[in-house]
Amino acid sequence: MSIYARIEECKVMELFETDGDITQMFHPSLVWIAVPEDIPVAQNWVCVDGEFSAPMPILPTVEELKASALAYRNLLLSAANEATAGMADAYIAGLLSAEDTETFKSFAAYKLALNKVDQQPGYPADITWPESP
């Protein structure tokens, strides 16, 4: 059995396996290329000049990376705000225990770091996320 790839605009549109003569089975306007046995070609592959390769991944734009980073940051901030709900007023009034004060300050530093992720040198492609307390 041989595997053939039908090529259209440099993309593998269809894979077909047969023992027959592929040129006799389909209209001559269809471009079929024999797939070497050692290449696991998938339909999303491309073929240029008879060479198969996986398509290049579509990379997100800078704006998409920023939007994703800010959405993730907002999710982390929301969780941190939930963890410290009501603590700000209690801290100002001096009503927190030493342990709660330490927790509150740890989360305050964490939230500050989250709000500064956009100032990191690799932002938005390379972000070092702060650890949650």
N, C-alpha and C. Protein backbone atom coordinates (compact mmCIF):
# COMPACT_ATOMS: atom_id res chain seq x y z
N MET A 1 0.84 -1.19 0.00
CA MET A 1 0.00 0.00 0.00
C MET A 1 0.88 1.25 0.00
N SER A 2 0.49 2.21 -0.79
CA SER A 2 1.18 3.49 -0.84
C SER A 2 0.22 4.57 -0.36
N ILE A 3 0.78 5.59 0.25
CA ILE A 3 -0.02 6.71 0.71
C ILE A 3 0.32 7.91 -0.18
N TYR A 4 -0.74 8.60 -0.60
CA TYR A 4 -0.59 9.77 -1.44
C TYR A 4 -1.26 10.95 -0.76
N ALA A 5 -0.73 12.13 -0.99
CA ALA A 5 -1.31 13.35 -0.46
C ALA A 5 -1.79 14.20 -1.63
N ARG A 6 -3.05 14.63 -1.56
CA ARG A 6 -3.56 15.54 -2.58
C ARG A 6 -3.20 16.95 -2.15
N ILE A 7 -2.50 17.64 -3.04
CA ILE A 7 -1.97 18.96 -2.73
C ILE A 7 -2.78 20.03 -3.43
N GLU A 8 -3.10 21.06 -2.67
CA GLU A 8 -3.81 22.21 -3.22
C GLU A 8 -3.27 23.45 -2.52
N GLU A 9 -2.74 24.38 -3.29
CA GLU A 9 -2.14 25.60 -2.75
C GLU A 9 -1.11 25.27 -1.68
N CYS A 10 -0.24 24.31 -1.96
CA CYS A 10 0.86 23.88 -1.09
C CYS A 10 0.42 23.21 0.20
N LYS A 11 -0.86 22.93 0.35
CA LYS A 11 -1.35 22.28 1.57
C LYS A 11 -1.81 20.87 1.25
N VAL A 12 -1.61 19.99 2.21
CA VAL A 12 -2.13 18.63 2.09
C VAL A 12 -3.63 18.70 2.37
N MET A 13 -4.42 18.45 1.36
CA MET A 13 -5.87 18.54 1.50
C MET A 13 -6.51 17.20 1.85
N GLU A 14 -5.82 16.12 1.45
CA GLU A 14 -6.43 14.80 1.62
C GLU A 14 -5.31 13.76 1.54
N LEU A 15 -5.45 12.71 2.33
CA LEU A 15 -4.54 11.57 2.24
C LEU A 15 -5.32 10.39 1.67
N PHE A 16 -4.65 9.60 0.82
CA PHE A 16 -5.31 8.49 0.17
C PHE A 16 -4.34 7.31 0.12
N GLU A 17 -4.83 6.15 0.51
CA GLU A 17 -4.00 4.94 0.53
C GLU A 17 -4.52 3.96 -0.53
N THR A 18 -3.61 3.46 -1.37
CA THR A 18 -4.03 2.55 -2.43
C THR A 18 -2.87 1.69 -2.90
N ASP A 19 -3.24 0.55 -3.50
CA ASP A 19 -2.26 -0.30 -4.19
C ASP A 19 -2.27 0.01 -5.69
N GLY A 20 -3.28 0.79 -6.10
CA GLY A 20 -3.45 1.07 -7.53
C GLY A 20 -2.62 2.23 -8.02
N ASP A 21 -2.80 2.54 -9.29
CA ASP A 21 -2.12 3.65 -9.94
C ASP A 21 -2.94 4.92 -9.70
N ILE A 22 -2.40 5.80 -8.86
CA ILE A 22 -3.12 7.01 -8.46
C ILE A 22 -3.48 7.88 -9.66
N THR A 23 -2.65 7.87 -10.68
CA THR A 23 -2.90 8.71 -11.86
C THR A 23 -4.10 8.23 -12.66
N GLN A 24 -4.47 6.96 -12.49
CA GLN A 24 -5.62 6.42 -13.20
C GLN A 24 -6.92 6.54 -12.39
N MET A 25 -6.82 6.90 -11.14
CA MET A 25 -7.99 6.93 -10.27
C MET A 25 -8.68 8.29 -10.17
N PHE A 26 -7.93 9.36 -10.44
CA PHE A 26 -8.47 10.71 -10.25
C PHE A 26 -8.22 11.56 -11.48
N HIS A 27 -8.93 12.63 -11.56
CA HIS A 27 -8.78 13.56 -12.67
C HIS A 27 -7.34 14.09 -12.68
N PRO A 28 -6.77 14.28 -13.87
CA PRO A 28 -5.38 14.73 -13.95
C PRO A 28 -5.13 16.12 -13.37
N SER A 29 -6.18 16.90 -13.16
CA SER A 29 -5.98 18.24 -12.59
C SER A 29 -5.66 18.19 -11.09
N LEU A 30 -5.93 17.03 -10.46
CA LEU A 30 -5.62 16.89 -9.04
C LEU A 30 -4.15 16.52 -8.89
N VAL A 31 -3.49 17.21 -7.97
CA VAL A 31 -2.06 16.95 -7.74
C VAL A 31 -1.91 16.00 -6.57
N TRP A 32 -1.36 14.82 -6.86
CA TRP A 32 -1.10 13.80 -5.83
C TRP A 32 0.40 13.58 -5.74
N ILE A 33 0.92 13.54 -4.51
CA ILE A 33 2.35 13.28 -4.29
C ILE A 33 2.47 12.08 -3.36
N ALA A 34 3.36 11.16 -3.72
CA ALA A 34 3.60 9.99 -2.88
C ALA A 34 4.23 10.44 -1.57
N VAL A 35 3.70 9.90 -0.48
CA VAL A 35 4.22 10.24 0.85
C VAL A 35 5.27 9.20 1.23
N PRO A 36 6.50 9.63 1.49
CA PRO A 36 7.53 8.66 1.91
C PRO A 36 7.09 7.93 3.18
N GLU A 37 7.44 6.66 3.28
CA GLU A 37 7.00 5.83 4.42
C GLU A 37 7.51 6.34 5.75
N ASP A 38 8.65 7.02 5.75
CA ASP A 38 9.25 7.45 7.01
C ASP A 38 8.74 8.82 7.49
N ILE A 39 7.77 9.39 6.78
CA ILE A 39 7.23 10.70 7.17
C ILE A 39 5.76 10.53 7.57
N PRO A 40 5.43 10.80 8.83
CA PRO A 40 4.04 10.69 9.28
C PRO A 40 3.23 11.93 8.91
N VAL A 41 2.92 12.08 7.64
CA VAL A 41 2.22 13.27 7.15
C VAL A 41 0.79 13.31 7.66
N ALA A 42 0.39 14.46 8.10
CA ALA A 42 -1.00 14.69 8.51
C ALA A 42 -1.62 15.68 7.54
N GLN A 43 -2.94 15.78 7.55
CA GLN A 43 -3.61 16.65 6.60
C GLN A 43 -3.29 18.12 6.80
N ASN A 44 -2.84 18.52 7.98
CA ASN A 44 -2.54 19.94 8.17
C ASN A 44 -1.10 20.28 7.77
N TRP A 45 -0.38 19.32 7.19
CA TRP A 45 0.98 19.58 6.74
C TRP A 45 0.95 20.34 5.42
N VAL A 46 2.12 20.86 5.05
CA VAL A 46 2.26 21.55 3.77
C VAL A 46 3.27 20.79 2.93
N CYS A 47 3.18 20.97 1.63
CA CYS A 47 4.10 20.31 0.71
C CYS A 47 4.56 21.35 -0.31
N VAL A 48 5.85 21.61 -0.31
CA VAL A 48 6.42 22.55 -1.26
C VAL A 48 7.53 21.83 -2.00
N ASP A 49 7.43 21.80 -3.32
CA ASP A 49 8.42 21.12 -4.18
C ASP A 49 8.63 19.67 -3.76
N GLY A 50 7.53 19.01 -3.38
CA GLY A 50 7.61 17.60 -3.02
C GLY A 50 8.12 17.30 -1.63
N GLU A 51 8.43 18.32 -0.84
CA GLU A 51 8.91 18.14 0.53
C GLU A 51 7.77 18.44 1.51
N PHE A 52 7.54 17.51 2.44
CA PHE A 52 6.48 17.68 3.42
C PHE A 52 7.04 18.26 4.71
N SER A 53 6.27 19.11 5.33
CA SER A 53 6.65 19.62 6.64
C SER A 53 5.41 20.06 7.39
N ALA A 54 5.52 20.03 8.71
CA ALA A 54 4.42 20.51 9.53
C ALA A 54 4.30 22.02 9.31
N PRO A 55 3.09 22.54 9.34
CA PRO A 55 2.95 23.99 9.12
C PRO A 55 3.56 24.78 10.27
N MET A 56 4.03 25.95 9.96
CA MET A 56 4.56 26.82 11.00
C MET A 56 3.40 27.24 11.88
N PRO A 57 3.59 27.19 13.20
CA PRO A 57 2.50 27.61 14.07
C PRO A 57 2.22 29.10 13.90
N ILE A 58 0.98 29.46 14.04
CA ILE A 58 0.61 30.87 13.97
C ILE A 58 0.85 31.45 15.36
N LEU A 59 1.79 32.37 15.44
CA LEU A 59 2.14 32.96 16.72
C LEU A 59 1.18 34.09 17.06
N PRO A 60 0.86 34.24 18.34
CA PRO A 60 -0.04 35.32 18.72
C PRO A 60 0.64 36.68 18.51
N THR A 61 -0.16 37.69 18.26
CA THR A 61 0.36 39.04 18.11
C THR A 61 0.72 39.59 19.49
N VAL A 62 1.45 40.70 19.50
CA VAL A 62 1.81 41.35 20.76
C VAL A 62 0.54 41.75 21.50
N GLU A 63 -0.43 42.25 20.76
CA GLU A 63 -1.69 42.66 21.40
C GLU A 63 -2.42 41.47 22.02
N GLU A 64 -2.39 40.33 21.35
CA GLU A 64 -3.02 39.11 21.89
C GLU A 64 -2.28 38.64 23.14
N LEU A 65 -0.95 38.71 23.12
CA LEU A 65 -0.16 38.33 24.29
C LEU A 65 -0.47 39.25 25.47
N LYS A 66 -0.56 40.54 25.20
CA LYS A 66 -0.89 41.50 26.27
C LYS A 66 -2.27 41.22 26.86
N ALA A 67 -3.24 41.00 25.99
CA ALA A 67 -4.60 40.73 26.46
C ALA A 67 -4.65 39.47 27.31
N SER A 68 -3.93 38.45 26.88
CA SER A 68 -3.89 37.19 27.63
C SER A 68 -3.21 37.39 28.98
N ALA A 69 -2.10 38.12 28.99
CA ALA A 69 -1.37 38.37 30.23
C ALA A 69 -2.22 39.18 31.20
N LEU A 70 -2.88 40.20 30.70
CA LEU A 70 -3.71 41.03 31.58
C LEU A 70 -4.92 40.27 32.11
N ALA A 71 -5.49 39.42 31.31
CA ALA A 71 -6.61 38.59 31.77
C ALA A 71 -6.16 37.65 32.88
N TYR A 72 -4.97 37.05 32.70
CA TYR A 72 -4.43 36.15 33.72
C TYR A 72 -4.10 36.93 34.99
N ARG A 73 -3.47 38.10 34.82
CA ARG A 73 -3.15 38.94 35.97
C ARG A 73 -4.42 39.29 36.74
N ASN A 74 -5.47 39.67 36.02
CA ASN A 74 -6.73 40.03 36.68
C ASN A 74 -7.34 38.86 37.43
N LEU A 75 -7.19 37.67 36.88
CA LEU A 75 -7.67 36.47 37.57
C LEU A 75 -6.91 36.26 38.88
N LEU A 76 -5.58 36.42 38.83
CA LEU A 76 -4.76 36.26 40.04
C LEU A 76 -5.08 37.37 41.05
N LEU A 77 -5.26 38.60 40.57
CA LEU A 77 -5.61 39.70 41.48
C LEU A 77 -6.96 39.46 42.15
N SER A 78 -7.89 38.94 41.41
CA SER A 78 -9.21 38.66 41.96
C SER A 78 -9.12 37.63 43.10
N ALA A 79 -8.33 36.58 42.87
CA ALA A 79 -8.16 35.56 43.91
C ALA A 79 -7.46 36.15 45.13
N ALA A 80 -6.46 37.01 44.90
CA ALA A 80 -5.75 37.64 46.02
C ALA A 80 -6.67 38.58 46.79
N ASN A 81 -7.50 39.32 46.07
CA ASN A 81 -8.45 40.22 46.74
C ASN A 81 -9.46 39.44 47.58
N GLU A 82 -9.86 38.28 47.06
CA GLU A 82 -10.79 37.44 47.81
C GLU A 82 -10.14 36.92 49.09
N ALA A 83 -8.85 36.57 48.99
CA ALA A 83 -8.13 36.03 50.15
C ALA A 83 -7.94 37.08 51.24
N THR A 84 -7.95 38.36 50.86
CA THR A 84 -7.72 39.42 51.84
C THR A 84 -8.95 40.30 52.05
N ALA A 85 -10.11 39.80 51.65
CA ALA A 85 -11.35 40.58 51.78
C ALA A 85 -11.54 41.04 53.22
N GLY A 86 -11.77 42.33 53.40
CA GLY A 86 -12.02 42.91 54.72
C GLY A 86 -10.78 43.20 55.53
N MET A 87 -9.63 42.77 55.07
CA MET A 87 -8.41 42.94 55.86
C MET A 87 -7.85 44.37 55.80
N ALA A 88 -8.09 45.08 54.72
CA ALA A 88 -7.52 46.43 54.60
C ALA A 88 -8.03 47.35 55.71
N ASP A 89 -9.34 47.37 55.91
CA ASP A 89 -9.90 48.22 56.97
C ASP A 89 -9.42 47.77 58.34
N ALA A 90 -9.37 46.47 58.54
CA ALA A 90 -8.92 45.95 59.83
C ALA A 90 -7.45 46.28 60.06
N TYR A 91 -6.65 46.25 58.99
CA TYR A 91 -5.23 46.59 59.12
C TYR A 91 -5.07 48.06 59.50
N ILE A 92 -5.80 48.94 58.81
CA ILE A 92 -5.73 50.37 59.09
C ILE A 92 -6.15 50.67 60.53
N ALA A 93 -7.16 49.95 61.00
CA ALA A 93 -7.68 50.16 62.36
C ALA A 93 -6.84 49.45 63.41
N GLY A 94 -5.83 48.70 62.98
CA GLY A 94 -4.97 47.99 63.94
C GLY A 94 -5.66 46.80 64.58
N LEU A 95 -6.62 46.21 63.89
CA LEU A 95 -7.40 45.12 64.46
C LEU A 95 -6.90 43.72 64.07
N LEU A 96 -5.89 43.64 63.21
CA LEU A 96 -5.40 42.33 62.76
C LEU A 96 -4.40 41.76 63.76
N SER A 97 -4.45 40.45 63.89
CA SER A 97 -3.44 39.77 64.70
C SER A 97 -2.11 39.85 63.97
N ALA A 98 -1.03 39.48 64.64
CA ALA A 98 0.30 39.50 64.02
C ALA A 98 0.33 38.57 62.81
N GLU A 99 -0.30 37.41 62.94
CA GLU A 99 -0.34 36.44 61.84
C GLU A 99 -1.13 36.99 60.65
N ASP A 100 -2.30 37.58 60.93
CA ASP A 100 -3.12 38.16 59.86
C ASP A 100 -2.42 39.36 59.21
N THR A 101 -1.69 40.15 60.02
CA THR A 101 -0.94 41.29 59.49
C THR A 101 0.12 40.80 58.52
N GLU A 102 0.81 39.73 58.87
CA GLU A 102 1.83 39.16 57.98
C GLU A 102 1.20 38.65 56.68
N THR A 103 0.05 37.98 56.81
CA THR A 103 -0.67 37.50 55.62
C THR A 103 -1.08 38.67 54.74
N PHE A 104 -1.64 39.70 55.36
CA PHE A 104 -2.10 40.88 54.61
C PHE A 104 -0.94 41.54 53.88
N LYS A 105 0.19 41.71 54.55
CA LYS A 105 1.36 42.34 53.93
C LYS A 105 1.92 41.48 52.80
N SER A 106 1.91 40.16 52.98
CA SER A 106 2.39 39.26 51.92
C SER A 106 1.52 39.40 50.67
N PHE A 107 0.21 39.43 50.87
CA PHE A 107 -0.70 39.59 49.72
C PHE A 107 -0.58 40.97 49.11
N ALA A 108 -0.33 42.00 49.93
CA ALA A 108 -0.16 43.36 49.39
C ALA A 108 1.06 43.41 48.47
N ALA A 109 2.16 42.78 48.89
CA ALA A 109 3.37 42.74 48.06
C ALA A 109 3.12 41.94 46.79
N TYR A 110 2.39 40.85 46.92
CA TYR A 110 2.05 40.01 45.77
C TYR A 110 1.21 40.79 44.76
N LYS A 111 0.19 41.51 45.25
CA LYS A 111 -0.68 42.28 44.36
C LYS A 111 0.09 43.41 43.69
N LEU A 112 1.03 44.01 44.40
CA LEU A 112 1.86 45.05 43.82
C LEU A 112 2.71 44.47 42.68
N ALA A 113 3.29 43.29 42.92
CA ALA A 113 4.10 42.63 41.88
C ALA A 113 3.24 42.25 40.68
N LEU A 114 2.03 41.80 40.91
CA LEU A 114 1.13 41.48 39.80
C LEU A 114 0.82 42.72 38.97
N ASN A 115 0.64 43.83 39.63
CA ASN A 115 0.33 45.07 38.91
C ASN A 115 1.52 45.64 38.16
N LYS A 116 2.71 45.08 38.39
CA LYS A 116 3.91 45.55 37.70
C LYS A 116 4.43 44.57 36.66
N VAL A 117 3.70 43.50 36.37
CA VAL A 117 4.21 42.53 35.39
C VAL A 117 4.43 43.18 34.02
N ASP A 118 3.64 44.19 33.69
CA ASP A 118 3.81 44.85 32.39
C ASP A 118 5.07 45.70 32.31
N GLN A 119 5.79 45.84 33.41
CA GLN A 119 7.04 46.60 33.43
C GLN A 119 8.27 45.69 33.31
N GLN A 120 8.04 44.38 33.24
CA GLN A 120 9.16 43.45 33.10
C GLN A 120 9.77 43.57 31.72
N PRO A 121 11.10 43.37 31.60
CA PRO A 121 11.77 43.53 30.31
C PRO A 121 11.22 42.65 29.18
N GLY A 122 10.80 41.44 29.44
CA GLY A 122 10.33 40.55 28.38
C GLY A 122 8.85 40.61 28.09
N TYR A 123 8.14 41.49 28.80
CA TYR A 123 6.69 41.58 28.66
C TYR A 123 6.31 41.96 27.23
N PRO A 124 5.31 41.37 26.63
CA PRO A 124 4.37 40.38 27.15
C PRO A 124 4.74 38.94 26.80
N ALA A 125 5.83 38.74 26.06
CA ALA A 125 6.16 37.38 25.63
C ALA A 125 6.78 36.54 26.74
N ASP A 126 7.50 37.18 27.64
CA ASP A 126 8.22 36.45 28.69
C ASP A 126 7.92 37.12 30.03
N ILE A 127 7.07 36.48 30.80
CA ILE A 127 6.65 37.04 32.08
C ILE A 127 7.02 36.09 33.22
N THR A 128 7.64 36.64 34.24
CA THR A 128 7.90 35.86 35.45
C THR A 128 6.79 36.24 36.43
N TRP A 129 5.89 35.30 36.65
CA TRP A 129 4.75 35.58 37.52
C TRP A 129 5.17 35.45 38.97
N PRO A 130 4.78 36.39 39.83
CA PRO A 130 5.12 36.28 41.25
C PRO A 130 4.37 35.11 41.89
N GLU A 131 4.97 34.57 42.92
CA GLU A 131 4.33 33.44 43.63
C GLU A 131 3.30 33.96 44.62
N SER A 132 2.18 33.29 44.64
CA SER A 132 1.13 33.64 45.59
C SER A 132 1.57 33.25 47.00
N PRO A 133 1.27 34.09 47.98
CA PRO A 133 1.65 33.76 49.37
C PRO A 133 0.97 32.49 49.86
